Amino acid sequence: MKIIVIGATGTIGKAVVEQLGTRHDIVTAGRNSGQYQVRIEDPASVAALFARTGPVDGVVVAAGDLHFGPLADMTPEQFRIGLDSKLMGQVHVALAAQHRLNDGGSITLTGGIVGHQPIRQGANASTVNRALEGFVVGAAIELPRALRINLVDPTVLTESLPQYGEYFHGFEPADARRVALAYSRSVEGAQTGQVYRVW
């Protein structure tokens, strides 16, 4: 299969490329790296990516920004970071991908544990991750041509503890390599409308 991995140089993206790359043709994309550059916040940029790659069999998105900070100090502009980037960015990819995927192709998006296990300073992340679940289950029943869409919902990554560990005291981390297995299940499996929790 020919699979686009958006966010391929991130911690999850690298693990997904390593997991799927031994069996499939991987096309890497990112904001500033990869074979193709794309800004998922911009629908025109997403459309241009698919125009360059041509039809594909799978799309994985492991990209998108969030805002972490105290709710009392949060501004609407800060809250929109997650809405515009991680939520709508992934929605933009899914909306475009449905028209560019080969029959039976798959879309795999990325959520996160705080959609169900909230943390201090994580209201933006909780909102976005829960909304992504709603999008996936809603989109799954409408996709034509046996297309599939799923969400991977990881806990904090072991590799990300130096950066995010202060937010996740008491959470059991997961190695990116283990999280990548859920992306393999989504891309290479048969299910749709699923949330694969790696907690």
Protein backbone atom coordinates (compact mmCIF):
# COMPACT_ATOMS: atom_id res chain seq x y z
CA MET A 1 0.00 0.00 0.00
CA LYS A 2 0.95 3.62 -0.49
CA ILE A 3 0.49 5.47 2.80
CA ILE A 4 0.95 9.16 3.62
CA VAL A 5 2.21 9.86 7.14
CA ILE A 6 1.70 13.51 8.11
CA GLY A 7 3.91 14.44 11.04
CA ALA A 8 6.38 11.75 10.04
CA THR A 9 9.35 13.29 11.89
CA GLY A 10 7.53 13.60 15.23
CA THR A 11 7.86 11.04 17.98
CA ILE A 12 4.74 9.10 16.99
CA GLY A 13 5.26 9.69 13.29
CA LYS A 14 8.75 8.21 13.30
CA ALA A 15 7.49 5.10 15.08
CA VAL A 16 4.61 4.74 12.61
CA VAL A 17 6.97 5.06 9.65
CA GLU A 18 9.23 2.42 11.18
CA GLN A 19 6.28 0.11 11.88
CA LEU A 20 4.63 0.38 8.47
CA GLY A 21 7.67 1.09 6.34
CA THR A 22 8.87 -2.51 6.19
CA ARG A 23 5.65 -3.56 4.43
CA HIS A 24 4.39 -0.50 2.56
CA ASP A 25 5.43 2.50 0.46
CA ILE A 26 5.51 5.43 2.89
CA VAL A 27 5.15 9.06 1.77
CA THR A 28 6.33 11.44 4.49
CA ALA A 29 4.90 14.91 5.02
CA GLY A 30 5.24 17.63 7.61
CA ARG A 31 5.17 21.35 8.21
CA ASN A 32 8.90 21.79 7.63
CA SER A 33 10.16 18.31 6.80
CA GLY A 34 9.42 15.14 4.88
CA GLN A 35 9.07 14.49 1.17
CA TYR A 36 6.21 17.01 1.02
CA GLN A 37 5.44 20.07 3.13
CA VAL A 38 1.89 20.70 4.33
CA ARG A 39 0.13 22.95 6.80
CA ILE A 40 -2.90 20.98 7.96
CA GLU A 41 -4.50 24.17 9.29
CA ASP A 42 -4.83 25.36 5.67
CA PRO A 43 -7.30 23.40 3.51
CA ALA A 44 -5.59 24.65 0.33
CA SER A 45 -2.25 23.28 1.55
CA VAL A 46 -3.88 19.92 2.29
CA ALA A 47 -5.50 19.82 -1.16
CA ALA A 48 -2.15 20.63 -2.75
CA LEU A 49 -0.53 17.73 -0.89
CA PHE A 50 -2.99 15.20 -2.31
CA ALA A 51 -2.66 16.74 -5.76
CA ARG A 52 1.08 16.05 -5.60
CA THR A 53 0.90 12.55 -4.15
CA GLY A 54 -1.92 11.25 -6.31
CA PRO A 55 -4.22 8.43 -5.11
CA VAL A 56 -3.12 6.62 -1.95
CA ASP A 57 -4.29 3.67 0.13
CA GLY A 58 -3.92 5.18 3.58
CA VAL A 59 -3.44 8.48 5.39
CA VAL A 60 -2.09 8.79 8.92
CA VAL A 61 -2.09 12.11 10.75
CA ALA A 62 0.22 12.41 13.75
CA ALA A 63 0.33 16.20 13.82
CA GLY A 64 -1.46 19.16 15.36
CA ASP A 65 -0.80 21.79 18.01
CA LEU A 66 -2.57 22.27 21.35
CA HIS A 67 -2.47 24.94 24.04
CA PHE A 68 -1.63 23.97 27.61
CA GLY A 69 -2.26 26.58 30.29
CA PRO A 70 -4.46 27.54 33.25
CA LEU A 71 -8.12 27.95 32.34
CA ALA A 72 -8.31 31.17 34.40
CA ASP A 73 -5.73 32.82 32.16
CA MET A 74 -6.74 31.29 28.84
CA THR A 75 -7.74 33.62 26.03
CA PRO A 76 -10.02 32.74 23.13
CA GLU A 77 -7.01 33.05 20.83
CA GLN A 78 -5.07 30.50 22.87
CA PHE A 79 -8.05 28.13 22.94
CA ARG A 80 -8.33 28.35 19.17
CA ILE A 81 -4.82 26.92 18.77
CA GLY A 82 -6.06 23.39 19.38
CA LEU A 83 -9.32 23.93 17.51
CA ASP A 84 -7.61 25.30 14.40
CA SER A 85 -4.62 22.96 14.41
CA LYS A 86 -5.15 19.54 15.96
CA LEU A 87 -8.94 19.39 15.47
CA MET A 88 -9.69 21.21 12.22
CA GLY A 89 -6.29 20.36 10.77
CA GLN A 90 -7.05 16.65 11.01
CA VAL A 91 -10.61 17.23 9.80
CA HIS A 92 -9.22 19.07 6.76
CA VAL A 93 -7.06 16.04 5.97
CA ALA A 94 -9.95 13.61 6.35
CA LEU A 95 -12.31 15.67 4.21
CA ALA A 96 -9.74 15.86 1.41
CA ALA A 97 -8.55 12.27 1.78
CA GLN A 98 -12.00 10.76 1.24
CA HIS A 99 -11.79 11.92 -2.38
CA ARG A 100 -8.19 10.83 -2.97
CA LEU A 101 -8.11 7.39 -1.36
CA ASN A 102 -8.31 4.22 -3.39
CA ASP A 103 -11.30 1.96 -2.68
CA GLY A 104 -10.95 0.34 0.75
CA GLY A 105 -8.45 2.96 1.89
CA SER A 106 -8.10 4.22 5.45
CA ILE A 107 -7.75 7.45 7.41
CA THR A 108 -6.12 7.34 10.85
CA LEU A 109 -6.24 10.38 13.12
CA THR A 110 -4.62 11.05 16.50
CA GLY A 111 -6.34 11.98 19.75
CA GLY A 112 -5.06 11.58 23.30
CA ILE A 113 -5.85 10.27 26.76
CA VAL A 114 -6.86 13.65 28.20
CA GLY A 115 -10.11 13.47 26.25
CA HIS A 116 -11.19 11.02 28.98
CA GLN A 117 -8.62 11.53 31.75
CA PRO A 118 -8.38 15.33 32.15
CA ILE A 119 -5.35 17.07 33.56
CA ARG A 120 -4.74 20.52 34.97
CA GLN A 121 -4.04 23.08 32.24
CA GLY A 122 -5.39 20.66 29.64
CA ALA A 123 -8.91 21.99 28.91
CA ASN A 124 -7.96 22.75 25.31
CA ALA A 125 -6.52 19.27 24.79
CA SER A 126 -9.51 17.56 26.43
CA THR A 127 -11.93 19.45 24.18
CA VAL A 128 -10.04 18.70 20.99
CA ASN A 129 -9.40 15.02 21.71
CA ARG A 130 -13.04 14.33 22.63
CA ALA A 131 -14.24 16.21 19.54
CA LEU A 132 -12.00 14.10 17.32
CA GLU A 133 -13.74 10.98 18.63
CA GLY A 134 -17.09 12.46 17.66
CA PHE A 135 -15.85 13.26 14.18
CA VAL A 136 -14.48 9.78 13.60
CA VAL A 137 -17.59 7.90 14.71
CA GLY A 138 -19.80 10.28 12.73
CA ALA A 139 -17.70 10.15 9.57
CA ALA A 140 -17.32 6.36 9.64
CA ILE A 141 -20.97 5.70 8.80
CA GLU A 142 -20.90 8.00 5.77
CA LEU A 143 -17.66 7.18 4.01
CA PRO A 144 -18.25 5.49 0.62
CA ARG A 145 -16.30 2.82 -1.28
CA ALA A 146 -15.44 0.79 1.85
CA LEU A 147 -13.25 3.63 3.10
CA ARG A 148 -12.42 3.45 6.80
CA ILE A 149 -11.58 6.00 9.49
CA ASN A 150 -10.24 5.39 13.01
CA LEU A 151 -8.64 7.31 15.86
CA VAL A 152 -5.59 6.35 17.90
CA ASP A 153 -5.87 7.65 21.47
CA PRO A 154 -2.47 7.37 23.20
CA THR A 155 -1.40 8.11 26.73
CA VAL A 156 1.66 10.29 27.29
CA LEU A 157 4.68 8.89 25.47
CA THR A 158 7.71 7.70 27.36
CA GLU A 159 9.83 9.70 24.93
CA SER A 160 7.83 12.86 25.68
CA LEU A 161 8.11 12.77 29.48
CA PRO A 162 10.95 15.35 29.56
CA GLN A 163 8.64 17.83 27.81
CA TYR A 164 5.19 16.92 29.15
CA GLY A 165 5.83 14.78 32.22
CA GLU A 166 4.92 17.58 34.66
CA TYR A 167 1.33 17.44 33.37
CA PHE A 168 1.04 13.65 33.69
CA HIS A 169 2.03 12.67 37.24
CA GLY A 170 0.47 9.29 38.01
CA PHE A 171 -0.10 8.35 34.36
CA GLU A 172 1.57 5.24 32.98
CA PRO A 173 3.46 6.22 29.82
CA ALA A 174 3.68 4.14 26.66
CA ASP A 175 6.62 3.78 24.31
CA ALA A 176 6.07 5.23 20.84
CA ARG A 177 6.84 1.80 19.39
CA ARG A 178 3.87 0.33 21.28
CA VAL A 179 1.60 3.21 20.25
CA ALA A 180 2.58 2.65 16.60
CA LEU A 181 1.01 -0.82 16.74
CA ALA A 182 -2.42 0.81 17.02
CA TYR A 183 -1.76 2.73 13.81
CA SER A 184 -0.84 -0.55 12.14
CA ARG A 185 -4.14 -2.04 13.31
CA SER A 186 -6.03 0.91 11.89
CA VAL A 187 -4.24 0.98 8.54
CA GLU A 188 -3.91 -2.76 7.95
CA GLY A 189 -7.02 -4.00 9.72
CA ALA A 190 -10.69 -4.05 8.75
CA GLN A 191 -12.41 -1.95 11.41
CA THR A 192 -13.85 1.54 11.05
CA GLY A 193 -15.21 4.12 13.48
CA GLN A 194 -12.92 2.76 16.20
CA VAL A 195 -11.01 4.53 18.94
CA TYR A 196 -7.84 2.57 19.68
CA ARG A 197 -6.83 3.52 23.22
CA VAL A 198 -3.21 2.90 24.15
CA TRP A 199 -3.33 3.61 27.87
